[in-house]
């Protein structure tokens, strides 16, 4: 496996977590999520990745959606927000993430010794 394949695997594993973190801050619509995550190449994703992920998270009852009129006469946008189940899921993911980061940090420190 080369570094690009490894990065792709890593990205797939954390994209869902990153999207839930963004939605947890405030309800967001799909294109807004894509724009936000595009700021960081390691997690940037296309519509063909993000929208199916949002639909799956909604189907699994981690997200709910609502339509909101947009400004400037544009069509309404579909916003996503976390459900109670989604908040619990995000908390579990955060705990796992912090545990993983702690282990990696410890391994890196041992490497330096």
C-alpha atoms as a PDB file:
ATOM      1  CA  UNK A   1       0.000   0.000   0.000  1.00  0.00           C
ATOM      2  CA  UNK A   2       1.301   3.440  -0.839  1.00  0.00           C
ATOM      3  CA  UNK A   3       0.709   6.641   1.112  1.00  0.00           C
ATOM      4  CA  UNK A   4      -2.205   7.739  -1.095  1.00  0.00           C
ATOM      5  CA  UNK A   5      -4.041   4.473  -0.501  1.00  0.00           C
ATOM      6  CA  UNK A   6      -3.411   4.788   3.240  1.00  0.00           C
ATOM      7  CA  UNK A   7      -4.698   8.381   3.237  1.00  0.00           C
ATOM      8  CA  UNK A   8      -7.811   7.272   1.361  1.00  0.00           C
ATOM      9  CA  UNK A   9      -8.516   4.586   3.960  1.00  0.00           C
ATOM     10  CA  UNK A  10      -7.953   7.057   6.777  1.00  0.00           C
ATOM     11  CA  UNK A  11     -10.226   9.630   5.156  1.00  0.00           C
ATOM     12  CA  UNK A  12     -13.077   7.158   4.711  1.00  0.00           C
ATOM     13  CA  UNK A  13     -12.803   6.229   8.353  1.00  0.00           C
ATOM     14  CA  UNK A  14     -13.018   9.744   9.759  1.00  0.00           C
ATOM     15  CA  UNK A  15     -15.199  11.606   7.255  1.00  0.00           C
ATOM     16  CA  UNK A  16     -18.413  10.579   9.009  1.00  0.00           C
ATOM     17  CA  UNK A  17     -17.025  11.765  12.337  1.00  0.00           C
ATOM     18  CA  UNK A  18     -15.944  15.114  10.874  1.00  0.00           C
ATOM     19  CA  UNK A  19     -19.344  15.702   9.275  1.00  0.00           C
ATOM     20  CA  UNK A  20     -21.126  14.951  12.540  1.00  0.00           C
ATOM     21  CA  UNK A  21     -18.800  17.365  14.347  1.00  0.00           C
ATOM     22  CA  UNK A  22     -19.729  20.125  11.899  1.00  0.00           C
ATOM     23  CA  UNK A  23     -23.458  19.450  12.140  1.00  0.00           C
ATOM     24  CA  UNK A  24     -23.212  19.343  15.923  1.00  0.00           C
ATOM     25  CA  UNK A  25     -22.095  22.990  15.939  1.00  0.00           C
ATOM     26  CA  UNK A  26     -25.171  24.087  13.966  1.00  0.00           C
ATOM     27  CA  UNK A  27     -27.600  22.679  11.388  1.00  0.00           C
ATOM     28  CA  UNK A  28     -26.011  22.637   7.942  1.00  0.00           C
ATOM     29  CA  UNK A  29     -27.013  21.897   4.376  1.00  0.00           C
ATOM     30  CA  UNK A  30     -25.109  19.532   2.102  1.00  0.00           C
ATOM     31  CA  UNK A  31     -23.195  22.004  -0.025  1.00  0.00           C
ATOM     32  CA  UNK A  32     -22.195  23.941   3.092  1.00  0.00           C
ATOM     33  CA  UNK A  33     -20.738  20.743   4.571  1.00  0.00           C
ATOM     34  CA  UNK A  34     -18.826  20.020   1.364  1.00  0.00           C
ATOM     35  CA  UNK A  35     -17.481  23.580   1.327  1.00  0.00           C
ATOM     36  CA  UNK A  36     -16.447  23.428   4.997  1.00  0.00           C
ATOM     37  CA  UNK A  37     -14.569  20.139   4.729  1.00  0.00           C
ATOM     38  CA  UNK A  38     -12.884  21.223   1.487  1.00  0.00           C
ATOM     39  CA  UNK A  39     -10.709  23.516   3.618  1.00  0.00           C
ATOM     40  CA  UNK A  40      -8.732  20.460   4.692  1.00  0.00           C
ATOM     41  CA  UNK A  41      -7.416  18.249   1.894  1.00  0.00           C
ATOM     42  CA  UNK A  42      -7.175  15.198   4.127  1.00  0.00           C
ATOM     43  CA  UNK A  43     -10.983  15.143   4.593  1.00  0.00           C
ATOM     44  CA  UNK A  44     -12.200  16.963   1.461  1.00  0.00           C
ATOM     45  CA  UNK A  45     -14.935  14.972  -0.262  1.00  0.00           C
ATOM     46  CA  UNK A  46     -17.157  15.275  -3.299  1.00  0.00           C
ATOM     47  CA  UNK A  47     -20.942  15.440  -3.475  1.00  0.00           C
ATOM     48  CA  UNK A  48     -21.011  11.800  -4.574  1.00  0.00           C
ATOM     49  CA  UNK A  49     -19.501  10.869  -1.200  1.00  0.00           C
ATOM     50  CA  UNK A  50     -21.154  13.344   1.158  1.00  0.00           C
ATOM     51  CA  UNK A  51     -24.801  13.127   0.082  1.00  0.00           C
ATOM     52  CA  UNK A  52     -25.037   9.316   0.321  1.00  0.00           C
ATOM     53  CA  UNK A  53     -23.365   9.531   3.740  1.00  0.00           C
ATOM     54  CA  UNK A  54     -25.919  12.121   4.893  1.00  0.00           C
ATOM     55  CA  UNK A  55     -28.779   9.928   3.621  1.00  0.00           C
ATOM     56  CA  UNK A  56     -27.389   6.890   5.441  1.00  0.00           C
ATOM     57  CA  UNK A  57     -26.932   8.824   8.692  1.00  0.00           C
ATOM     58  CA  UNK A  58     -30.511  10.067   8.402  1.00  0.00           C
ATOM     59  CA  UNK A  59     -31.806   6.564   7.647  1.00  0.00           C
ATOM     60  CA  UNK A  60     -29.984   5.289  10.753  1.00  0.00           C
ATOM     61  CA  UNK A  61     -31.684   8.048  12.791  1.00  0.00           C
ATOM     62  CA  UNK A  62     -28.476   9.921  13.633  1.00  0.00           C
ATOM     63  CA  UNK A  63     -29.636  12.956  11.631  1.00  0.00           C
ATOM     64  CA  UNK A  64     -32.925  14.594  10.848  1.00  0.00           C
ATOM     65  CA  UNK A  65     -33.543  17.145   8.146  1.00  0.00           C
ATOM     66  CA  UNK A  66     -35.738  20.152   7.538  1.00  0.00           C
ATOM     67  CA  UNK A  67     -36.212  22.556   4.658  1.00  0.00           C
ATOM     68  CA  UNK A  68     -35.412  26.217   5.075  1.00  0.00           C
ATOM     69  CA  UNK A  69     -35.900  29.073   2.630  1.00  0.00           C
ATOM     70  CA  UNK A  70     -32.640  30.545   1.467  1.00  0.00           C
ATOM     71  CA  UNK A  71     -31.844  34.177   0.969  1.00  0.00           C
ATOM     72  CA  UNK A  72     -31.540  35.913  -2.389  1.00  0.00           C
ATOM     73  CA  UNK A  73     -34.498  34.021  -3.860  1.00  0.00           C
ATOM     74  CA  UNK A  74     -32.652  30.706  -4.202  1.00  0.00           C
ATOM     75  CA  UNK A  75     -34.584  27.452  -3.748  1.00  0.00           C
ATOM     76  CA  UNK A  76     -35.056  26.138  -0.190  1.00  0.00           C
ATOM     77  CA  UNK A  77     -32.183  24.133   1.271  1.00  0.00           C
ATOM     78  CA  UNK A  78     -32.317  20.847   3.126  1.00  0.00           C
ATOM     79  CA  UNK A  79     -30.603  21.265   6.497  1.00  0.00           C
ATOM     80  CA  UNK A  80     -29.382  18.438   8.691  1.00  0.00           C
ATOM     81  CA  UNK A  81     -29.176  18.372  12.467  1.00  0.00           C
ATOM     82  CA  UNK A  82     -28.281  15.703  15.007  1.00  0.00           C
ATOM     83  CA  UNK A  83     -30.972  13.660  16.683  1.00  0.00           C
ATOM     84  CA  UNK A  84     -30.594  12.561  20.302  1.00  0.00           C
ATOM     85  CA  UNK A  85     -29.331   9.236  18.968  1.00  0.00           C
ATOM     86  CA  UNK A  86     -26.878  11.146  16.758  1.00  0.00           C
ATOM     87  CA  UNK A  87     -25.563  13.094  19.739  1.00  0.00           C
ATOM     88  CA  UNK A  88     -24.986   9.847  21.628  1.00  0.00           C
ATOM     89  CA  UNK A  89     -23.253   8.355  18.588  1.00  0.00           C
ATOM     90  CA  UNK A  90     -21.027  11.426  18.262  1.00  0.00           C
ATOM     91  CA  UNK A  91     -20.105  11.198  21.953  1.00  0.00           C
ATOM     92  CA  UNK A  92     -19.100   7.546  21.489  1.00  0.00           C
ATOM     93  CA  UNK A  93     -17.089   8.418  18.387  1.00  0.00           C
ATOM     94  CA  UNK A  94     -15.357  11.270  20.238  1.00  0.00           C
ATOM     95  CA  UNK A  95     -14.384   8.970  23.101  1.00  0.00           C
ATOM     96  CA  UNK A  96     -12.935   6.450  20.651  1.00  0.00           C
ATOM     97  CA  UNK A  97     -11.118   9.206  18.770  1.00  0.00           C
ATOM     98  CA  UNK A  98      -9.523  10.639  21.926  1.00  0.00           C
ATOM     99  CA  UNK A  99      -8.471   7.140  23.025  1.00  0.00           C
ATOM    100  CA  UNK A 100      -6.899   6.517  19.621  1.00  0.00           C
ATOM    101  CA  UNK A 101      -5.055   9.849  19.617  1.00  0.00           C
ATOM    102  CA  UNK A 102      -3.753   9.145  23.139  1.00  0.00           C
ATOM    103  CA  UNK A 103      -2.391   5.755  22.066  1.00  0.00           C
ATOM    104  CA  UNK A 104      -0.755   7.203  18.962  1.00  0.00           C
ATOM    105  CA  UNK A 105       0.801   9.999  21.028  1.00  0.00           C
ATOM    106  CA  UNK A 106       2.145   7.475  23.510  1.00  0.00           C
ATOM    107  CA  UNK A 107       3.609   5.350  20.716  1.00  0.00           C
ATOM    108  CA  UNK A 108       5.256   8.395  19.182  1.00  0.00           C
ATOM    109  CA  UNK A 109       6.815   9.339  22.538  1.00  0.00           C
ATOM    110  CA  UNK A 110       8.157   5.813  22.976  1.00  0.00           C
ATOM    111  CA  UNK A 111       9.687   6.053  19.514  1.00  0.00           C
ATOM    112  CA  UNK A 112      11.583   9.173  20.581  1.00  0.00           C
ATOM    113  CA  UNK A 113      13.072   7.527  23.681  1.00  0.00           C
END
